[in-house]
Amino acid sequence: MRMITGAILLLCAEQAFAHAYLIGFPYQDFASQVLVPGSLTVGLLGLAFLIWGLVMDQRK
């Protein structure tokens, strides 16, 4: 379950990063200020869950 959560969070981070650069002119600065740090945070959380799941599966 941890690995699935990590994979889903990584997909969410990728989508947030992609949308940060797809938003048009008037809101591009605000979107980049919100979505890029958000995607980095969610990406790191996703990696943590994925690594945690891999480590726990290795022990069994």
PDB file of N, CA and C in Angstrom:
ATOM      1  N   MET A   1       0.822  -1.191   0.000  1.00  0.00           N
ATOM      2  CA  MET A   1       0.000   0.000   0.000  1.00  0.00           C
ATOM      3  C   MET A   1       0.870   1.261   0.000  1.00  0.00           C
ATOM      4  N   ARG A   2       2.005   1.196   0.674  1.00  0.00           N
ATOM      5  CA  ARG A   2       2.895   2.366   0.704  1.00  0.00           C
ATOM      6  C   ARG A   2       3.471   2.643  -0.682  1.00  0.00           C
ATOM      7  N   MET A   3       3.793   1.574  -1.404  1.00  0.00           N
ATOM      8  CA  MET A   3       4.354   1.755  -2.742  1.00  0.00           C
ATOM      9  C   MET A   3       3.312   2.336  -3.698  1.00  0.00           C
ATOM     10  N   ILE A   4       2.077   1.905  -3.571  1.00  0.00           N
ATOM     11  CA  ILE A   4       1.010   2.446  -4.417  1.00  0.00           C
ATOM     12  C   ILE A   4       0.782   3.919  -4.089  1.00  0.00           C
ATOM     13  N   THR A   5       0.780   4.253  -2.804  1.00  0.00           N
ATOM     14  CA  THR A   5       0.628   5.648  -2.394  1.00  0.00           C
ATOM     15  C   THR A   5       1.769   6.494  -2.940  1.00  0.00           C
ATOM     16  N   GLY A   6       2.988   5.986  -2.858  1.00  0.00           N
ATOM     17  CA  GLY A   6       4.138   6.707  -3.391  1.00  0.00           C
ATOM     18  C   GLY A   6       4.041   6.932  -4.883  1.00  0.00           C
ATOM     19  N   ALA A   7       3.595   5.910  -5.608  1.00  0.00           N
ATOM     20  CA  ALA A   7       3.452   6.044  -7.060  1.00  0.00           C
ATOM     21  C   ALA A   7       2.373   7.066  -7.414  1.00  0.00           C
ATOM     22  N   ILE A   8       1.272   7.050  -6.697  1.00  0.00           N
ATOM     23  CA  ILE A   8       0.199   8.017  -6.959  1.00  0.00           C
ATOM     24  C   ILE A   8       0.664   9.435  -6.643  1.00  0.00           C
ATOM     25  N   LEU A   9       1.394   9.604  -5.550  1.00  0.00           N
ATOM     26  CA  LEU A   9       1.897  10.938  -5.210  1.00  0.00           C
ATOM     27  C   LEU A   9       2.909  11.429  -6.240  1.00  0.00           C
ATOM     28  N   LEU A  10       3.738  10.533  -6.776  1.00  0.00           N
ATOM     29  CA  LEU A  10       4.677  10.936  -7.820  1.00  0.00           C
ATOM     30  C   LEU A  10       3.940  11.360  -9.088  1.00  0.00           C
ATOM     31  N   LEU A  11       2.872  10.658  -9.424  1.00  0.00           N
ATOM     32  CA  LEU A  11       2.068  11.066 -10.580  1.00  0.00           C
ATOM     33  C   LEU A  11       1.424  12.429 -10.352  1.00  0.00           C
ATOM     34  N   CYS A  12       0.942  12.675  -9.150  1.00  0.00           N
ATOM     35  CA  CYS A  12       0.351  13.985  -8.825  1.00  0.00           C
ATOM     36  C   CYS A  12       1.395  15.088  -8.920  1.00  0.00           C
ATOM     37  N   ALA A  13       2.605  14.809  -8.461  1.00  0.00           N
ATOM     38  CA  ALA A  13       3.672  15.809  -8.526  1.00  0.00           C
ATOM     39  C   ALA A  13       4.025  16.129  -9.971  1.00  0.00           C
ATOM     40  N   GLU A  14       4.064  15.101 -10.814  1.00  0.00           N
ATOM     41  CA  GLU A  14       4.376  15.324 -12.225  1.00  0.00           C
ATOM     42  C   GLU A  14       3.294  16.160 -12.896  1.00  0.00           C
ATOM     43  N   GLN A  15       2.039  15.893 -12.580  1.00  0.00           N
ATOM     44  CA  GLN A  15       0.934  16.646 -13.163  1.00  0.00           C
ATOM     45  C   GLN A  15       0.941  18.101 -12.688  1.00  0.00           C
ATOM     46  N   ALA A  16       1.235  18.323 -11.421  1.00  0.00           N
ATOM     47  CA  ALA A  16       1.292  19.694 -10.904  1.00  0.00           C
ATOM     48  C   ALA A  16       2.426  20.470 -11.567  1.00  0.00           C
ATOM     49  N   PHE A  17       3.565  19.821 -11.759  1.00  0.00           N
ATOM     50  CA  PHE A  17       4.698  20.479 -12.408  1.00  0.00           C
ATOM     51  C   PHE A  17       4.364  20.811 -13.858  1.00  0.00           C
ATOM     52  N   ALA A  18       3.717  19.878 -14.547  1.00  0.00           N
ATOM     53  CA  ALA A  18       3.349  20.124 -15.941  1.00  0.00           C
ATOM     54  C   ALA A  18       2.325  21.255 -16.044  1.00  0.00           C
ATOM     55  N   HIS A  19       1.357  21.283 -15.161  1.00  0.00           N
ATOM     56  CA  HIS A  19       0.341  22.331 -15.204  1.00  0.00           C
ATOM     57  C   HIS A  19       0.918  23.700 -14.842  1.00  0.00           C
ATOM     58  N   ALA A  20       1.996  23.725 -14.083  1.00  0.00           N
ATOM     59  CA  ALA A  20       2.615  25.005 -13.738  1.00  0.00           C
ATOM     60  C   ALA A  20       3.117  25.723 -14.986  1.00  0.00           C
ATOM     61  N   TYR A  21       3.490  24.976 -16.010  1.00  0.00           N
ATOM     62  CA  TYR A  21       4.002  25.585 -17.230  1.00  0.00           C
ATOM     63  C   TYR A  21       2.969  25.636 -18.349  1.00  0.00           C
ATOM     64  N   LEU A  22       1.798  25.057 -18.149  1.00  0.00           N
ATOM     65  CA  LEU A  22       0.751  25.104 -19.167  1.00  0.00           C
ATOM     66  C   LEU A  22      -0.220  26.261 -18.971  1.00  0.00           C
ATOM     67  N   ILE A  23      -0.232  26.855 -17.787  1.00  0.00           N
ATOM     68  CA  ILE A  23      -1.181  27.927 -17.497  1.00  0.00           C
ATOM     69  C   ILE A  23      -0.755  29.187 -18.240  1.00  0.00           C
ATOM     70  N   GLY A  24      -1.728  29.874 -18.801  1.00  0.00           N
ATOM     71  CA  GLY A  24      -1.470  31.029 -19.656  1.00  0.00           C
ATOM     72  C   GLY A  24      -0.954  32.263 -18.943  1.00  0.00           C
ATOM     73  N   PHE A  25      -0.780  33.322 -19.727  1.00  0.00           N
ATOM     74  CA  PHE A  25      -0.066  34.528 -19.314  1.00  0.00           C
ATOM     75  C   PHE A  25      -0.535  35.194 -18.028  1.00  0.00           C
ATOM     76  N   PRO A  26      -1.779  35.568 -17.859  1.00  0.00           N
ATOM     77  CA  PRO A  26      -2.083  36.407 -16.693  1.00  0.00           C
ATOM     78  C   PRO A  26      -1.801  35.731 -15.356  1.00  0.00           C
ATOM     79  N   TYR A  27      -1.908  34.418 -15.309  1.00  0.00           N
ATOM     80  CA  TYR A  27      -1.781  33.714 -14.032  1.00  0.00           C
ATOM     81  C   TYR A  27      -0.530  32.848 -13.956  1.00  0.00           C
ATOM     82  N   GLN A  28       0.356  32.982 -14.929  1.00  0.00           N
ATOM     83  CA  GLN A  28       1.521  32.104 -14.997  1.00  0.00           C
ATOM     84  C   GLN A  28       2.458  32.282 -13.805  1.00  0.00           C
ATOM     85  N   ASP A  29       2.713  33.503 -13.396  1.00  0.00           N
ATOM     86  CA  ASP A  29       3.616  33.736 -12.262  1.00  0.00           C
ATOM     87  C   ASP A  29       3.052  33.162 -10.973  1.00  0.00           C
ATOM     88  N   PHE A  30       1.781  33.430 -10.722  1.00  0.00           N
ATOM     89  CA  PHE A  30       1.153  32.915  -9.502  1.00  0.00           C
ATOM     90  C   PHE A  30       1.108  31.391  -9.513  1.00  0.00           C
ATOM     91  N   ALA A  31       0.767  30.814 -10.658  1.00  0.00           N
ATOM     92  CA  ALA A  31       0.688  29.351 -10.758  1.00  0.00           C
ATOM     93  C   ALA A  31       2.056  28.719 -10.538  1.00  0.00           C
ATOM     94  N   SER A  32       3.088  29.317 -11.089  1.00  0.00           N
ATOM     95  CA  SER A  32       4.437  28.774 -10.899  1.00  0.00           C
ATOM     96  C   SER A  32       4.880  28.881  -9.444  1.00  0.00           C
ATOM     97  N   GLN A  33       4.507  29.974  -8.781  1.00  0.00           N
ATOM     98  CA  GLN A  33       4.885  30.143  -7.382  1.00  0.00           C
ATOM     99  C   GLN A  33       4.196  29.138  -6.479  1.00  0.00           C
ATOM    100  N   VAL A  34       3.034  28.657  -6.865  1.00  0.00           N
ATOM    101  CA  VAL A  34       2.278  27.710  -6.043  1.00  0.00           C
ATOM    102  C   VAL A  34       2.554  26.269  -6.454  1.00  0.00           C
ATOM    103  N   LEU A  35       2.491  25.994  -7.755  1.00  0.00           N
ATOM    104  CA  LEU A  35       2.532  24.609  -8.217  1.00  0.00           C
ATOM    105  C   LEU A  35       3.933  23.998  -8.223  1.00  0.00           C
ATOM    106  N   VAL A  36       4.961  24.776  -8.502  1.00  0.00           N
ATOM    107  CA  VAL A  36       6.311  24.199  -8.524  1.00  0.00           C
ATOM    108  C   VAL A  36       6.750  23.770  -7.121  1.00  0.00           C
ATOM    109  N   PRO A  37       6.654  24.629  -6.091  1.00  0.00           N
ATOM    110  CA  PRO A  37       7.002  24.136  -4.749  1.00  0.00           C
ATOM    111  C   PRO A  37       6.067  23.025  -4.274  1.00  0.00           C
ATOM    112  N   GLY A  38       4.800  23.116  -4.657  1.00  0.00           N
ATOM    113  CA  GLY A  38       3.862  22.055  -4.290  1.00  0.00           C
ATOM    114  C   GLY A  38       4.229  20.729  -4.924  1.00  0.00           C
ATOM    115  N   SER A  39       4.634  20.772  -6.183  1.00  0.00           N
ATOM    116  CA  SER A  39       5.018  19.530  -6.853  1.00  0.00           C
ATOM    117  C   SER A  39       6.303  18.958  -6.260  1.00  0.00           C
ATOM    118  N   LEU A  40       7.216  19.821  -5.855  1.00  0.00           N
ATOM    119  CA  LEU A  40       8.439  19.325  -5.211  1.00  0.00           C
ATOM    120  C   LEU A  40       8.124  18.668  -3.871  1.00  0.00           C
ATOM    121  N   THR A  41       7.236  19.274  -3.117  1.00  0.00           N
ATOM    122  CA  THR A  41       6.850  18.712  -1.822  1.00  0.00           C
ATOM    123  C   THR A  41       6.154  17.370  -1.987  1.00  0.00           C
ATOM    124  N   VAL A  42       5.191  17.313  -2.900  1.00  0.00           N
ATOM    125  CA  VAL A  42       4.461  16.063  -3.123  1.00  0.00           C
ATOM    126  C   VAL A  42       5.390  15.007  -3.719  1.00  0.00           C
ATOM    127  N   GLY A  43       6.321  15.425  -4.574  1.00  0.00           N
ATOM    128  CA  GLY A  43       7.279  14.484  -5.150  1.00  0.00           C
ATOM    129  C   GLY A  43       8.192  13.871  -4.103  1.00  0.00           C
ATOM    130  N   LEU A  44       8.677  14.694  -3.196  1.00  0.00           N
ATOM    131  CA  LEU A  44       9.525  14.167  -2.120  1.00  0.00           C
ATOM    132  C   LEU A  44       8.746  13.242  -1.198  1.00  0.00           C
ATOM    133  N   LEU A  45       7.510  13.594  -0.920  1.00  0.00           N
ATOM    134  CA  LEU A  45       6.658  12.734  -0.104  1.00  0.00           C
ATOM    135  C   LEU A  45       6.390  11.409  -0.819  1.00  0.00           C
ATOM    136  N   GLY A  46       6.162  11.472  -2.121  1.00  0.00           N
ATOM    137  CA  GLY A  46       5.958  10.252  -2.904  1.00  0.00           C
ATOM    138  C   GLY A  46       7.186   9.368  -2.914  1.00  0.00           C
ATOM    139  N   LEU A  47       8.365   9.974  -3.068  1.00  0.00           N
ATOM    140  CA  LEU A  47       9.606   9.194  -3.010  1.00  0.00           C
ATOM    141  C   LEU A  47       9.797   8.561  -1.642  1.00  0.00           C
ATOM    142  N   ALA A  48       9.467   9.303  -0.601  1.00  0.00           N
ATOM    143  CA  ALA A  48       9.602   8.758   0.753  1.00  0.00           C
ATOM    144  C   ALA A  48       8.695   7.546   0.946  1.00  0.00           C
ATOM    145  N   PHE A  49       7.447   7.644   0.498  1.00  0.00           N
ATOM    146  CA  PHE A  49       6.525   6.510   0.609  1.00  0.00           C
ATOM    147  C   PHE A  49       7.010   5.328  -0.224  1.00  0.00           C
ATOM    148  N   LEU A  50       7.515   5.605  -1.429  1.00  0.00           N
ATOM    149  CA  LEU A  50       7.980   4.534  -2.300  1.00  0.00           C
ATOM    150  C   LEU A  50       9.183   3.818  -1.700  1.00  0.00           C
ATOM    151  N   ILE A  51      10.134   4.568  -1.185  1.00  0.00           N
ATOM    152  CA  ILE A  51      11.315   3.964  -0.558  1.00  0.00           C
ATOM    153  C   ILE A  51      10.924   3.222   0.710  1.00  0.00           C
ATOM    154  N   TRP A  52      10.031   3.799   1.494  1.00  0.00           N
ATOM    155  CA  TRP A  52       9.551   3.141   2.713  1.00  0.00           C
ATOM    156  C   TRP A  52       8.892   1.802   2.374  1.00  0.00           C
ATOM    157  N   GLY A  53       8.081   1.787   1.329  1.00  0.00           N
ATOM    158  CA  GLY A  53       7.438   0.547   0.907  1.00  0.00           C
ATOM    159  C   GLY A  53       8.439  -0.485   0.430  1.00  0.00           C
ATOM    160  N   LEU A  54       9.454  -0.054  -0.306  1.00  0.00           N
ATOM    161  CA  LEU A  54      10.478  -0.992  -0.775  1.00  0.00           C
ATOM    162  C   LEU A  54      11.281  -1.571   0.383  1.00  0.00           C
ATOM    163  N   VAL A  55      11.620  -0.742   1.345  1.00  0.00           N
ATOM    164  CA  VAL A  55      12.392  -1.216   2.505  1.00  0.00           C
ATOM    165  C   VAL A  55      11.573  -2.200   3.326  1.00  0.00           C
ATOM    166  N   MET A  56      10.307  -1.904   3.527  1.00  0.00           N
ATOM    167  CA  MET A  56       9.462  -2.805   4.319  1.00  0.00           C
ATOM    168  C   MET A  56       9.220  -4.127   3.596  1.00  0.00           C
ATOM    169  N   ASP A  57       9.153  -4.124   2.265  1.00  0.00           N
ATOM    170  CA  ASP A  57       8.978  -5.368   1.524  1.00  0.00           C
ATOM    171  C   ASP A  57      10.253  -6.202   1.518  1.00  0.00           C
ATOM    172  N   GLN A  58      11.403  -5.567   1.601  1.00  0.00           N
ATOM    173  CA  GLN A  58      12.674  -6.299   1.639  1.00  0.00           C
ATOM    174  C   GLN A  58      12.815  -7.097   2.922  1.00  0.00           C
ATOM    175  N   ARG A  59      12.265  -6.592   4.012  1.00  0.00           N
ATOM    176  CA  ARG A  59      12.401  -7.251   5.312  1.00  0.00           C
ATOM    177  C   ARG A  59      11.578  -8.529   5.398  1.00  0.00           C
ATOM    178  N   LYS A  60      10.494  -8.618   4.648  1.00  0.00           N
ATOM    179  CA  LYS A  60       9.595  -9.769   4.763  1.00  0.00           C
ATOM    180  C   LYS A  60      10.103 -10.974   4.034  1.00  0.00           C
TER     181      LYS A  60
END
